[in-house]
PDB file of N, CA and C in Angstrom:
ATOM      1  N   UNK A   1       6.309  66.875 145.830  1.00  0.00           N
ATOM      2  CA  UNK A   1       6.874  65.696 145.264  1.00  0.00           C
ATOM      3  C   UNK A   1       6.515  64.552 146.029  1.00  0.00           C
ATOM      4  N   UNK A   2       6.138  64.717 147.289  1.00  0.00           N
ATOM      5  CA  UNK A   2       5.909  63.532 148.098  1.00  0.00           C
ATOM      6  C   UNK A   2       4.576  62.909 147.828  1.00  0.00           C
ATOM      7  N   UNK A   3       3.557  63.961 147.228  1.00  0.00           N
ATOM      8  CA  UNK A   3       2.302  63.386 146.640  1.00  0.00           C
ATOM      9  C   UNK A   3       2.417  62.610 145.505  1.00  0.00           C
ATOM     10  N   UNK A   4       3.262  63.095 144.738  1.00  0.00           N
ATOM     11  CA  UNK A   4       3.617  62.365 143.522  1.00  0.00           C
ATOM     12  C   UNK A   4       4.008  60.765 143.913  1.00  0.00           C
ATOM     13  N   UNK A   5       4.856  60.638 144.669  1.00  0.00           N
ATOM     14  CA  UNK A   5       5.181  59.125 145.263  1.00  0.00           C
ATOM     15  C   UNK A   5       4.248  58.685 146.017  1.00  0.00           C
ATOM     16  N   UNK A   6       3.277  59.263 146.925  1.00  0.00           N
ATOM     17  CA  UNK A   6       2.226  58.890 147.425  1.00  0.00           C
ATOM     18  C   UNK A   6       1.342  58.160 146.367  1.00  0.00           C
ATOM     19  N   UNK A   7       1.066  58.719 145.259  1.00  0.00           N
ATOM     20  CA  UNK A   7       0.473  58.420 144.188  1.00  0.00           C
ATOM     21  C   UNK A   7       0.840  57.093 143.613  1.00  0.00           C
ATOM     22  N   UNK A   8       2.097  56.996 143.277  1.00  0.00           N
ATOM     23  CA  UNK A   8       2.546  55.605 142.711  1.00  0.00           C
ATOM     24  C   UNK A   8       2.361  54.626 143.897  1.00  0.00           C
ATOM     25  N   UNK A   9       2.742  55.058 144.979  1.00  0.00           N
ATOM     26  CA  UNK A   9       2.654  53.826 146.018  1.00  0.00           C
ATOM     27  C   UNK A   9       1.177  53.359 146.552  1.00  0.00           C
ATOM     28  N   UNK A  10       0.153  53.968 145.867  1.00  0.00           N
ATOM     29  CA  UNK A  10      -1.232  53.670 146.218  1.00  0.00           C
ATOM     30  C   UNK A  10      -1.630  53.090 144.725  1.00  0.00           C
ATOM     31  N   UNK A  11      -1.303  53.089 143.774  1.00  0.00           N
ATOM     32  CA  UNK A  11      -1.545  52.301 142.552  1.00  0.00           C
ATOM     33  C   UNK A  11      -2.014  51.046 142.637  1.00  0.00           C
ATOM     34  N   UNK A  12      -2.840  50.512 142.323  1.00  0.00           N
ATOM     35  CA  UNK A  12      -3.061  49.001 142.117  1.00  0.00           C
ATOM     36  C   UNK A  12      -3.528  48.443 140.969  1.00  0.00           C
ATOM     37  N   UNK A  13      -2.460  47.795 140.397  1.00  0.00           N
ATOM     38  CA  UNK A  13      -2.386  46.803 139.314  1.00  0.00           C
ATOM     39  C   UNK A  13      -2.277  45.652 139.390  1.00  0.00           C
ATOM     40  N   UNK A  14      -2.624  44.600 138.377  1.00  0.00           N
ATOM     41  CA  UNK A  14      -2.419  43.544 138.451  1.00  0.00           C
ATOM     42  C   UNK A  14      -0.976  42.835 138.800  1.00  0.00           C
ATOM     43  N   UNK A  15      -0.864  41.945 139.681  1.00  0.00           N
ATOM     44  CA  UNK A  15       0.127  41.482 140.188  1.00  0.00           C
ATOM     45  C   UNK A  15       1.332  41.166 138.754  1.00  0.00           C
ATOM     46  N   UNK A  16       0.853  40.578 138.174  1.00  0.00           N
ATOM     47  CA  UNK A  16       1.604  40.240 136.769  1.00  0.00           C
ATOM     48  C   UNK A  16       2.450  41.299 136.135  1.00  0.00           C
ATOM     49  N   UNK A  17       1.439  42.414 135.963  1.00  0.00           N
ATOM     50  CA  UNK A  17       1.932  43.505 135.416  1.00  0.00           C
ATOM     51  C   UNK A  17       3.039  44.123 136.263  1.00  0.00           C
ATOM     52  N   UNK A  18       2.912  44.487 137.501  1.00  0.00           N
ATOM     53  CA  UNK A  18       3.779  45.003 138.459  1.00  0.00           C
ATOM     54  C   UNK A  18       4.893  44.079 138.525  1.00  0.00           C
ATOM     55  N   UNK A  19       4.862  42.625 138.710  1.00  0.00           N
ATOM     56  CA  UNK A  19       6.124  41.821 138.379  1.00  0.00           C
ATOM     57  C   UNK A  19       6.899  41.993 137.454  1.00  0.00           C
ATOM     58  N   UNK A  20       6.346  42.011 136.220  1.00  0.00           N
ATOM     59  CA  UNK A  20       6.660  42.310 134.843  1.00  0.00           C
ATOM     60  C   UNK A  20       7.615  43.482 135.011  1.00  0.00           C
ATOM     61  N   UNK A  21       6.927  44.798 135.341  1.00  0.00           N
ATOM     62  CA  UNK A  21       7.731  46.240 135.653  1.00  0.00           C
ATOM     63  C   UNK A  21       8.758  46.232 136.152  1.00  0.00           C
ATOM     64  N   UNK A  22       8.788  45.422 137.437  1.00  0.00           N
ATOM     65  CA  UNK A  22       9.626  45.326 138.282  1.00  0.00           C
ATOM     66  C   UNK A  22      11.284  44.801 137.690  1.00  0.00           C
ATOM     67  N   UNK A  23      10.970  44.006 137.068  1.00  0.00           N
ATOM     68  CA  UNK A  23      11.800  43.141 136.330  1.00  0.00           C
ATOM     69  C   UNK A  23      12.509  43.793 135.251  1.00  0.00           C
ATOM     70  N   UNK A  24      11.861  44.818 134.323  1.00  0.00           N
ATOM     71  CA  UNK A  24      11.925  45.494 133.513  1.00  0.00           C
ATOM     72  C   UNK A  24      12.535  47.033 134.211  1.00  0.00           C
ATOM     73  N   UNK A  25      12.368  47.324 135.073  1.00  0.00           N
ATOM     74  CA  UNK A  25      12.741  48.636 135.882  1.00  0.00           C
ATOM     75  C   UNK A  25      14.148  48.444 136.282  1.00  0.00           C
ATOM     76  N   UNK A  26      14.698  47.160 136.358  1.00  0.00           N
ATOM     77  CA  UNK A  26      16.043  47.315 136.658  1.00  0.00           C
ATOM     78  C   UNK A  26      17.332  47.654 135.454  1.00  0.00           C
ATOM     79  N   UNK A  27      16.705  47.686 134.667  1.00  0.00           N
ATOM     80  CA  UNK A  27      17.461  48.057 133.055  1.00  0.00           C
ATOM     81  C   UNK A  27      16.974  49.089 132.853  1.00  0.00           C
ATOM     82  N   UNK A  28      16.100  50.039 133.805  1.00  0.00           N
ATOM     83  CA  UNK A  28      15.749  51.338 132.919  1.00  0.00           C
ATOM     84  C   UNK A  28      16.805  52.374 132.949  1.00  0.00           C
ATOM     85  N   UNK A  29      16.781  53.024 131.771  1.00  0.00           N
ATOM     86  CA  UNK A  29      17.589  54.190 131.471  1.00  0.00           C
ATOM     87  C   UNK A  29      17.016  55.334 131.012  1.00  0.00           C
ATOM     88  N   UNK A  30      16.693  56.152 131.689  1.00  0.00           N
ATOM     89  CA  UNK A  30      15.803  57.378 131.299  1.00  0.00           C
ATOM     90  C   UNK A  30      16.260  58.101 130.026  1.00  0.00           C
ATOM     91  N   UNK A  31      17.476  58.318 129.741  1.00  0.00           N
ATOM     92  CA  UNK A  31      17.771  58.653 128.535  1.00  0.00           C
ATOM     93  C   UNK A  31      17.283  58.376 127.162  1.00  0.00           C
ATOM     94  N   UNK A  32      17.589  56.787 127.354  1.00  0.00           N
ATOM     95  CA  UNK A  32      16.992  56.119 126.327  1.00  0.00           C
ATOM     96  C   UNK A  32      15.403  55.871 126.257  1.00  0.00           C
ATOM     97  N   UNK A  33      14.679  55.651 127.230  1.00  0.00           N
ATOM     98  CA  UNK A  33      13.681  55.300 127.363  1.00  0.00           C
ATOM     99  C   UNK A  33      12.259  56.420 127.498  1.00  0.00           C
ATOM    100  N   UNK A  34      13.062  57.380 128.165  1.00  0.00           N
ATOM    101  CA  UNK A  34      11.670  58.387 128.283  1.00  0.00           C
ATOM    102  C   UNK A  34      11.392  59.199 126.671  1.00  0.00           C
ATOM    103  N   UNK A  35      12.404  59.855 125.833  1.00  0.00           N
ATOM    104  CA  UNK A  35      12.214  60.173 124.776  1.00  0.00           C
ATOM    105  C   UNK A  35      11.132  59.501 124.158  1.00  0.00           C
ATOM    106  N   UNK A  36      11.058  58.001 124.164  1.00  0.00           N
ATOM    107  CA  UNK A  36      10.434  57.095 123.170  1.00  0.00           C
ATOM    108  C   UNK A  36       9.108  57.321 123.729  1.00  0.00           C
ATOM    109  N   UNK A  37       8.809  57.342 125.232  1.00  0.00           N
ATOM    110  CA  UNK A  37       7.369  57.560 125.854  1.00  0.00           C
ATOM    111  C   UNK A  37       6.874  58.976 125.815  1.00  0.00           C
ATOM    112  N   UNK A  38       7.375  59.714 126.125  1.00  0.00           N
ATOM    113  CA  UNK A  38       7.198  61.294 125.883  1.00  0.00           C
ATOM    114  C   UNK A  38       7.486  62.118 125.180  1.00  0.00           C
ATOM    115  N   UNK A  39       7.785  61.564 123.938  1.00  0.00           N
ATOM    116  CA  UNK A  39       8.247  62.702 122.831  1.00  0.00           C
ATOM    117  C   UNK A  39       9.547  62.863 122.740  1.00  0.00           C
ATOM    118  N   UNK A  40      10.407  63.087 121.829  1.00  0.00           N
ATOM    119  CA  UNK A  40      11.579  63.403 121.626  1.00  0.00           C
ATOM    120  C   UNK A  40      11.922  64.965 122.063  1.00  0.00           C
ATOM    121  N   UNK A  41      13.251  65.460 122.558  1.00  0.00           N
ATOM    122  CA  UNK A  41      13.203  66.775 122.862  1.00  0.00           C
ATOM    123  C   UNK A  41      14.191  66.453 124.188  1.00  0.00           C
ATOM    124  N   UNK A  42      14.122  67.617 125.021  1.00  0.00           N
ATOM    125  CA  UNK A  42      14.626  67.823 126.438  1.00  0.00           C
ATOM    126  C   UNK A  42      14.163  66.698 127.299  1.00  0.00           C
ATOM    127  N   UNK A  43      14.837  66.019 127.959  1.00  0.00           N
ATOM    128  CA  UNK A  43      14.132  64.857 129.103  1.00  0.00           C
ATOM    129  C   UNK A  43      13.855  65.683 130.290  1.00  0.00           C
ATOM    130  N   UNK A  44      12.477  65.572 130.794  1.00  0.00           N
ATOM    131  CA  UNK A  44      12.275  66.536 131.711  1.00  0.00           C
ATOM    132  C   UNK A  44      12.913  66.014 133.002  1.00  0.00           C
ATOM    133  N   UNK A  45      12.341  66.599 134.200  1.00  0.00           N
ATOM    134  CA  UNK A  45      12.888  66.338 135.288  1.00  0.00           C
ATOM    135  C   UNK A  45      12.247  65.057 135.874  1.00  0.00           C
ATOM    136  N   UNK A  46      12.741  64.545 136.863  1.00  0.00           N
ATOM    137  CA  UNK A  46      11.994  63.273 137.431  1.00  0.00           C
ATOM    138  C   UNK A  46      10.557  63.495 137.883  1.00  0.00           C
ATOM    139  N   UNK A  47      10.185  64.519 138.287  1.00  0.00           N
ATOM    140  CA  UNK A  47       8.893  64.847 138.881  1.00  0.00           C
ATOM    141  C   UNK A  47       8.065  65.180 137.982  1.00  0.00           C
ATOM    142  N   UNK A  48       8.533  65.870 136.862  1.00  0.00           N
ATOM    143  CA  UNK A  48       7.311  66.205 135.732  1.00  0.00           C
ATOM    144  C   UNK A  48       7.246  65.232 134.989  1.00  0.00           C
ATOM    145  N   UNK A  49       8.409  64.227 134.592  1.00  0.00           N
ATOM    146  CA  UNK A  49       8.190  63.045 134.000  1.00  0.00           C
ATOM    147  C   UNK A  49       7.341  62.276 134.353  1.00  0.00           C
ATOM    148  N   UNK A  50       7.559  61.911 135.805  1.00  0.00           N
ATOM    149  CA  UNK A  50       6.619  61.024 136.302  1.00  0.00           C
ATOM    150  C   UNK A  50       5.120  61.470 136.404  1.00  0.00           C
ATOM    151  N   UNK A  51       4.788  63.001 136.404  1.00  0.00           N
ATOM    152  CA  UNK A  51       3.149  63.327 136.195  1.00  0.00           C
ATOM    153  C   UNK A  51       2.861  62.925 134.888  1.00  0.00           C
ATOM    154  N   UNK A  52       3.908  63.042 134.124  1.00  0.00           N
ATOM    155  CA  UNK A  52       3.419  62.889 132.485  1.00  0.00           C
ATOM    156  C   UNK A  52       3.216  61.601 132.298  1.00  0.00           C
ATOM    157  N   UNK A  53       3.740  60.597 133.047  1.00  0.00           N
ATOM    158  CA  UNK A  53       3.710  59.108 132.900  1.00  0.00           C
ATOM    159  C   UNK A  53       2.368  58.685 133.849  1.00  0.00           C
ATOM    160  N   UNK A  54       2.233  59.075 134.918  1.00  0.00           N
ATOM    161  CA  UNK A  54       0.986  58.805 135.492  1.00  0.00           C
ATOM    162  C   UNK A  54      -0.153  58.920 134.625  1.00  0.00           C
ATOM    163  N   UNK A  55      -0.142  60.354 133.894  1.00  0.00           N
ATOM    164  CA  UNK A  55      -1.665  60.548 133.059  1.00  0.00           C
ATOM    165  C   UNK A  55      -1.591  59.426 131.967  1.00  0.00           C
ATOM    166  N   UNK A  56      -0.294  59.235 131.336  1.00  0.00           N
ATOM    167  CA  UNK A  56      -0.356  58.448 130.280  1.00  0.00           C
ATOM    168  C   UNK A  56      -1.038  56.964 130.813  1.00  0.00           C
ATOM    169  N   UNK A  57      -0.435  56.604 131.875  1.00  0.00           N
ATOM    170  CA  UNK A  57      -0.629  55.092 132.095  1.00  0.00           C
ATOM    171  C   UNK A  57      -2.281  55.019 132.756  1.00  0.00           C
ATOM    172  N   UNK A  58      -2.486  56.063 133.055  1.00  0.00           N
ATOM    173  CA  UNK A  58      -4.181  56.145 133.568  1.00  0.00           C
ATOM    174  C   UNK A  58      -4.769  56.003 132.429  1.00  0.00           C
ATOM    175  N   UNK A  59      -4.717  56.579 131.598  1.00  0.00           N
ATOM    176  CA  UNK A  59      -5.485  56.093 130.245  1.00  0.00           C
ATOM    177  C   UNK A  59      -5.176  54.700 129.307  1.00  0.00           C
ATOM    178  N   UNK A  60      -4.017  54.456 129.575  1.00  0.00           N
ATOM    179  CA  UNK A  60      -3.882  53.023 128.883  1.00  0.00           C
ATOM    180  C   UNK A  60      -4.460  51.921 130.039  1.00  0.00           C
ATOM    181  N   UNK A  61      -4.378  52.373 131.244  1.00  0.00           N
ATOM    182  CA  UNK A  61      -5.145  51.233 132.320  1.00  0.00           C
ATOM    183  C   UNK A  61      -6.588  51.334 131.906  1.00  0.00           C
ATOM    184  N   UNK A  62      -6.945  52.632 131.591  1.00  0.00           N
ATOM    185  CA  UNK A  62      -8.633  52.537 131.762  1.00  0.00           C
ATOM    186  C   UNK A  62      -8.917  51.995 130.317  1.00  0.00           C
ATOM    187  N   UNK A  63      -8.156  51.812 129.204  1.00  0.00           N
ATOM    188  CA  UNK A  63      -8.111  50.892 128.060  1.00  0.00           C
ATOM    189  C   UNK A  63      -8.359  49.683 128.431  1.00  0.00           C
ATOM    190  N   UNK A  64      -7.295  49.010 129.506  1.00  0.00           N
ATOM    191  CA  UNK A  64      -7.085  47.611 129.571  1.00  0.00           C
ATOM    192  C   UNK A  64      -8.632  47.403 130.347  1.00  0.00           C
ATOM    193  N   UNK A  65      -8.990  48.083 131.532  1.00  0.00           N
ATOM    194  CA  UNK A  65     -10.101  47.474 132.333  1.00  0.00           C
ATOM    195  C   UNK A  65     -11.468  47.743 131.171  1.00  0.00           C
ATOM    196  N   UNK A  66     -11.438  48.532 130.305  1.00  0.00           N
ATOM    197  CA  UNK A  66     -12.638  48.622 129.421  1.00  0.00           C
ATOM    198  C   UNK A  66     -12.682  47.523 128.241  1.00  0.00           C
ATOM    199  N   UNK A  67     -11.467  47.008 128.090  1.00  0.00           N
ATOM    200  CA  UNK A  67     -11.428  45.896 127.169  1.00  0.00           C
ATOM    201  C   UNK A  67     -10.975  46.437 125.972  1.00  0.00           C
ATOM    202  N   UNK A  68     -10.568  47.850 125.710  1.00  0.00           N
ATOM    203  CA  UNK A  68     -10.474  48.459 124.658  1.00  0.00           C
ATOM    204  C   UNK A  68      -9.570  47.637 123.423  1.00  0.00           C
ATOM    205  N   UNK A  69     -10.160  47.792 122.198  1.00  0.00           N
ATOM    206  CA  UNK A  69      -9.068  46.981 121.199  1.00  0.00           C
ATOM    207  C   UNK A  69      -7.669  47.497 121.184  1.00  0.00           C
ATOM    208  N   UNK A  70      -7.845  48.970 121.335  1.00  0.00           N
ATOM    209  CA  UNK A  70      -6.406  49.765 121.066  1.00  0.00           C
ATOM    210  C   UNK A  70      -5.585  49.557 122.353  1.00  0.00           C
ATOM    211  N   UNK A  71      -6.091  48.834 123.418  1.00  0.00           N
ATOM    212  CA  UNK A  71      -5.185  48.778 124.668  1.00  0.00           C
ATOM    213  C   UNK A  71      -3.568  47.932 123.923  1.00  0.00           C
ATOM    214  N   UNK A  72      -2.686  48.355 124.551  1.00  0.00           N
ATOM    215  CA  UNK A  72      -1.420  47.941 124.207  1.00  0.00           C
ATOM    216  C   UNK A  72      -0.854  47.411 125.523  1.00  0.00           C
ATOM    217  N   UNK A  73      -0.373  46.031 125.576  1.00  0.00           N
ATOM    218  CA  UNK A  73       0.253  45.416 127.024  1.00  0.00           C
ATOM    219  C   UNK A  73       1.632  46.129 126.845  1.00  0.00           C
ATOM    220  N   UNK A  74       2.349  46.025 125.757  1.00  0.00           N
ATOM    221  CA  UNK A  74       3.922  46.595 125.492  1.00  0.00           C
ATOM    222  C   UNK A  74       3.748  48.142 126.164  1.00  0.00           C
ATOM    223  N   UNK A  75       2.709  48.978 125.747  1.00  0.00           N
ATOM    224  CA  UNK A  75       3.020  50.159 125.980  1.00  0.00           C
ATOM    225  C   UNK A  75       2.698  50.220 127.748  1.00  0.00           C
ATOM    226  N   UNK A  76       1.850  49.656 127.975  1.00  0.00           N
ATOM    227  CA  UNK A  76       1.341  49.653 129.495  1.00  0.00           C
ATOM    228  C   UNK A  76       2.682  49.440 130.422  1.00  0.00           C
ATOM    229  N   UNK A  77       3.520  48.320 129.921  1.00  0.00           N
ATOM    230  CA  UNK A  77       4.499  47.682 130.506  1.00  0.00           C
ATOM    231  C   UNK A  77       5.829  48.906 130.412  1.00  0.00           C
ATOM    232  N   UNK A  78       5.906  49.453 129.372  1.00  0.00           N
ATOM    233  CA  UNK A  78       6.649  50.620 129.447  1.00  0.00           C
ATOM    234  C   UNK A  78       6.289  51.694 130.251  1.00  0.00           C
ATOM    235  N   UNK A  79       5.300  52.195 130.351  1.00  0.00           N
ATOM    236  CA  UNK A  79       4.806  53.353 131.211  1.00  0.00           C
ATOM    237  C   UNK A  79       5.120  52.500 132.503  1.00  0.00           C
ATOM    238  N   UNK A  80       4.909  51.505 133.191  1.00  0.00           N
ATOM    239  CA  UNK A  80       4.852  51.096 134.648  1.00  0.00           C
ATOM    240  C   UNK A  80       6.645  51.246 134.735  1.00  0.00           C
ATOM    241  N   UNK A  81       7.213  50.530 133.603  1.00  0.00           N
ATOM    242  CA  UNK A  81       8.793  50.403 134.230  1.00  0.00           C
ATOM    243  C   UNK A  81       9.193  51.741 134.409  1.00  0.00           C
ATOM    244  N   UNK A  82       8.918  52.890 133.425  1.00  0.00           N
ATOM    245  CA  UNK A  82       9.383  54.151 133.086  1.00  0.00           C
ATOM    246  C   UNK A  82       8.817  55.065 134.835  1.00  0.00           C
ATOM    247  N   UNK A  83       7.638  54.647 134.960  1.00  0.00           N
ATOM    248  CA  UNK A  83       7.215  55.156 136.397  1.00  0.00           C
ATOM    249  C   UNK A  83       7.968  54.594 137.578  1.00  0.00           C
ATOM    250  N   UNK A  84       8.177  53.417 137.549  1.00  0.00           N
ATOM    251  CA  UNK A  84       9.234  52.804 138.667  1.00  0.00           C
ATOM    252  C   UNK A  84      10.590  53.398 138.785  1.00  0.00           C
ATOM    253  N   UNK A  85      11.137  53.489 137.358  1.00  0.00           N
ATOM    254  CA  UNK A  85      12.635  54.030 137.253  1.00  0.00           C
ATOM    255  C   UNK A  85      12.375  55.751 137.947  1.00  0.00           C
ATOM    256  N   UNK A  86      11.512  56.282 137.350  1.00  0.00           N
ATOM    257  CA  UNK A  86      11.631  57.523 137.729  1.00  0.00           C
ATOM    258  C   UNK A  86      11.296  57.895 139.239  1.00  0.00           C
ATOM    259  N   UNK A  87      10.401  57.207 139.948  1.00  0.00           N
ATOM    260  CA  UNK A  87       9.959  57.467 141.328  1.00  0.00           C
ATOM    261  C   UNK A  87      11.288  56.788 142.035  1.00  0.00           C
ATOM    262  N   UNK A  88      12.256  56.110 141.525  1.00  0.00           N
ATOM    263  CA  UNK A  88      13.621  55.451 142.180  1.00  0.00           C
ATOM    264  C   UNK A  88      14.196  56.553 142.212  1.00  0.00           C
ATOM    265  N   UNK A  89      14.557  57.296 141.065  1.00  0.00           N
ATOM    266  CA  UNK A  89      15.403  58.660 140.700  1.00  0.00           C
ATOM    267  C   UNK A  89      15.000  59.511 141.913  1.00  0.00           C
ATOM    268  N   UNK A  90      13.421  59.909 141.931  1.00  0.00           N
ATOM    269  CA  UNK A  90      13.038  60.963 142.580  1.00  0.00           C
ATOM    270  C   UNK A  90      13.312  60.585 144.211  1.00  0.00           C
ATOM    271  N   UNK A  91      13.168  59.484 144.498  1.00  0.00           N
ATOM    272  CA  UNK A  91      13.198  59.201 145.920  1.00  0.00           C
ATOM    273  C   UNK A  91      15.012  59.083 146.323  1.00  0.00           C
ATOM    274  N   UNK A  92      15.760  58.854 145.428  1.00  0.00           N
ATOM    275  CA  UNK A  92      17.064  59.018 145.585  1.00  0.00           C
ATOM    276  C   UNK A  92      17.660  60.179 145.863  1.00  0.00           C
ATOM    277  N   UNK A  93      17.064  61.385 144.877  1.00  0.00           N
ATOM    278  CA  UNK A  93      17.276  62.598 144.767  1.00  0.00           C
ATOM    279  C   UNK A  93      16.909  63.254 146.443  1.00  0.00           C
ATOM    280  N   UNK A  94      15.702  62.914 146.617  1.00  0.00           N
ATOM    281  CA  UNK A  94      15.088  63.352 147.865  1.00  0.00           C
ATOM    282  C   UNK A  94      15.834  63.279 149.298  1.00  0.00           C
ATOM    283  N   UNK A  95      16.342  61.862 149.076  1.00  0.00           N
ATOM    284  CA  UNK A  95      17.233  61.198 150.282  1.00  0.00           C
ATOM    285  C   UNK A  95      18.416  61.770 150.154  1.00  0.00           C
ATOM    286  N   UNK A  96      19.209  62.315 149.114  1.00  0.00           N
ATOM    287  CA  UNK A  96      20.168  62.968 149.058  1.00  0.00           C
ATOM    288  C   UNK A  96      20.109  64.417 149.454  1.00  0.00           C
ATOM    289  N   UNK A  97      19.199  64.880 149.307  1.00  0.00           N
ATOM    290  CA  UNK A  97      19.106  66.089 149.645  1.00  0.00           C
ATOM    291  C   UNK A  97      18.634  66.362 151.234  1.00  0.00           C
ATOM    292  N   UNK A  98      18.023  65.610 151.699  1.00  0.00           N
ATOM    293  CA  UNK A  98      18.050  65.296 153.306  1.00  0.00           C
ATOM    294  C   UNK A  98      19.155  64.966 153.918  1.00  0.00           C
ATOM    295  N   UNK A  99      19.965  64.280 153.289  1.00  0.00           N
ATOM    296  CA  UNK A  99      21.272  64.102 153.711  1.00  0.00           C
ATOM    297  C   UNK A  99      22.029  65.207 153.792  1.00  0.00           C
ATOM    298  N   UNK A 100      22.216  65.705 152.676  1.00  0.00           N
ATOM    299  CA  UNK A 100      23.024  67.291 152.498  1.00  0.00           C
ATOM    300  C   UNK A 100      22.454  68.315 153.795  1.00  0.00           C
ATOM    301  N   UNK A 101      21.363  68.264 153.913  1.00  0.00           N
ATOM    302  CA  UNK A 101      20.688  69.121 154.809  1.00  0.00           C
ATOM    303  C   UNK A 101      20.948  68.778 156.369  1.00  0.00           C
ATOM    304  N   UNK A 102      21.235  67.499 156.624  1.00  0.00           N
ATOM    305  CA  UNK A 102      21.626  66.908 157.699  1.00  0.00           C
ATOM    306  C   UNK A 102      20.118  66.632 158.486  1.00  0.00           C
ATOM    307  N   UNK A 103      19.216  66.253 157.344  1.00  0.00           N
ATOM    308  CA  UNK A 103      18.098  65.717 158.214  1.00  0.00           C
ATOM    309  C   UNK A 103      17.686  64.154 157.767  1.00  0.00           C
ATOM    310  N   UNK A 104      17.073  63.409 158.524  1.00  0.00           N
ATOM    311  CA  UNK A 104      16.662  61.955 158.063  1.00  0.00           C
ATOM    312  C   UNK A 104      15.894  61.996 156.929  1.00  0.00           C
ATOM    313  N   UNK A 105      15.712  61.019 156.042  1.00  0.00           N
ATOM    314  CA  UNK A 105      14.836  61.109 154.651  1.00  0.00           C
ATOM    315  C   UNK A 105      13.505  60.770 155.083  1.00  0.00           C
TER     316      UNK A 105
END
């Protein structure tokens, strides 16, 4: 799981996109947002959701960089918001497990 969080930490995107996503992440609700982004059905665990979001965001980011007419800024922001929200959930889960085991996070 640490590798997934490392991937998130190393992403480089335009500052304005990141700033907007950070604002949106404050209101992130995985039960409401994930089904819309990943498809309806059972909501996956945070690590699995994060991997799928990373893959989808990479495609959208490629469209942005290439000037593809099908690029959707709204979808890109939604994906970044969900990625930040899921990363926050995953980090909190890891810290909770570390505390329960008596280890520093």
